[in-house]
Protein backbone atom coordinates (compact mmCIF):
# COMPACT_ATOMS: atom_id res chain seq x y z
CA MET A 1 -214.70 -140.34 143.24
CA ASN A 2 -215.39 -144.05 143.45
CA SER A 3 -217.39 -146.05 140.93
CA THR A 4 -220.62 -145.81 142.95
CA GLU A 5 -220.59 -142.00 142.95
CA THR A 6 -221.84 -140.07 139.98
CA SER A 7 -220.62 -136.65 139.04
CA PRO A 8 -223.17 -133.84 138.78
CA ALA A 9 -221.53 -133.21 135.40
CA SER A 10 -223.13 -136.43 134.11
CA ASP A 11 -226.61 -134.93 134.65
CA PRO A 12 -227.61 -132.50 131.87
CA ALA A 13 -230.01 -130.66 134.23
CA ALA A 14 -227.21 -130.09 136.76
CA VAL A 15 -224.89 -128.84 134.03
CA ARG A 16 -227.59 -126.50 132.67
CA SER A 17 -228.15 -125.10 136.16
CA TRP A 18 -224.43 -124.60 136.73
CA LEU A 19 -224.02 -122.90 133.34
CA ARG A 20 -227.05 -120.66 133.89
CA ASN A 21 -225.75 -119.51 137.28
CA ARG A 22 -222.18 -118.95 136.08
CA LEU A 23 -223.34 -117.09 132.97
CA ALA A 24 -225.52 -114.90 135.19
CA GLN A 25 -222.51 -114.05 137.35
CA LEU A 26 -220.34 -113.22 134.34
CA THR A 27 -222.92 -111.09 132.54
CA ARG A 28 -224.87 -109.69 135.51
CA VAL A 29 -228.12 -111.07 134.13
CA GLU A 30 -230.58 -112.77 136.48
CA PRO A 31 -230.43 -116.58 136.12
CA ALA A 32 -234.20 -116.68 135.54
CA GLU A 33 -233.72 -114.44 132.48
CA ILE A 34 -231.27 -116.83 130.83
CA GLY A 35 -232.75 -119.23 128.30
CA ASP A 36 -231.27 -122.66 127.69
CA HIS A 37 -231.57 -122.28 123.90
CA GLU A 38 -230.52 -118.62 123.71
CA PRO A 39 -227.04 -118.15 122.20
CA PHE A 40 -224.35 -117.11 124.69
CA ALA A 41 -223.55 -114.17 122.42
CA ASN A 42 -227.00 -112.70 123.07
CA TYR A 43 -225.96 -112.02 126.67
CA GLY A 44 -222.99 -109.90 125.62
CA LEU A 45 -220.46 -112.54 126.65
CA SER A 46 -217.00 -111.28 125.69
CA SER A 47 -214.32 -113.62 124.38
CA HIS A 48 -212.47 -113.24 127.68
CA GLN A 49 -215.62 -114.21 129.60
CA ALA A 50 -216.24 -117.15 127.24
CA VAL A 51 -212.75 -118.54 127.89
CA ALA A 52 -213.24 -117.95 131.65
CA LEU A 53 -216.56 -119.82 131.49
CA ALA A 54 -214.85 -122.77 129.76
CA GLY A 55 -212.08 -122.76 132.38
CA ASP A 56 -214.54 -122.64 135.27
CA LEU A 57 -216.54 -125.46 133.69
CA GLU A 58 -213.36 -127.48 133.27
CA GLU A 59 -212.67 -127.13 136.99
CA TRP A 60 -216.25 -128.05 137.89
CA VAL A 61 -216.37 -131.20 135.75
CA GLY A 62 -212.82 -132.23 136.63
CA ARG A 63 -211.61 -132.90 133.12
CA GLU A 64 -209.78 -130.97 130.43
CA LEU A 65 -212.01 -129.01 128.06
CA GLU A 66 -211.26 -126.90 125.02
CA PRO A 67 -211.30 -123.13 125.67
CA THR A 68 -213.42 -122.79 122.49
CA LEU A 69 -216.37 -124.73 123.97
CA VAL A 70 -218.66 -121.71 124.05
CA TRP A 71 -218.19 -121.20 120.31
CA ASP A 72 -218.46 -124.89 119.48
CA PHE A 73 -221.60 -125.35 121.63
CA PRO A 74 -223.21 -121.88 121.57
CA ASP A 75 -226.08 -122.28 124.04
CA ILE A 76 -226.64 -123.79 127.47
CA ASP A 77 -228.68 -126.78 126.30
CA THR A 78 -226.23 -127.85 123.60
CA LEU A 79 -223.20 -127.41 125.85
CA ALA A 80 -224.86 -129.20 128.78
CA ARG A 81 -225.75 -132.20 126.61
CA TYR A 82 -222.19 -132.36 125.34
CA ILE A 83 -220.66 -132.15 128.83
CA ALA A 84 -223.06 -134.70 130.35
CA THR A 85 -223.23 -137.22 127.53
CA GLY A 86 -220.58 -136.39 124.94
CA GLU A 87 -223.38 -135.81 122.44
CA SER A 88 -222.52 -133.23 119.78
CA PRO A 89 -225.20 -131.55 117.74
CA ALA A 90 -225.53 -132.53 114.11
CA ARG A 91 -223.86 -129.89 112.00
CA SER A 92 -225.19 -129.01 108.60
CA GLU A 93 -222.48 -128.80 105.95
């Protein structure tokens, strides 16, 4: 990719759409039924599926990602913002 091209992974909306569709495939839930702020765990995502989702996302964005992403960023919106902008949510201690 040259410097004038932008990756779809830099657009939070594109990342949310990709995540919604991939989560739907993994869990057999219709994409329209998946909420951006609903925890991944609420869709019955197994640990194997969560690691697969992180691996698929890694391929899509073209950079190395931690396999624990789904636990670190537990919903579509939070994970999409992190992937697109590097923004992590504030964590309460």
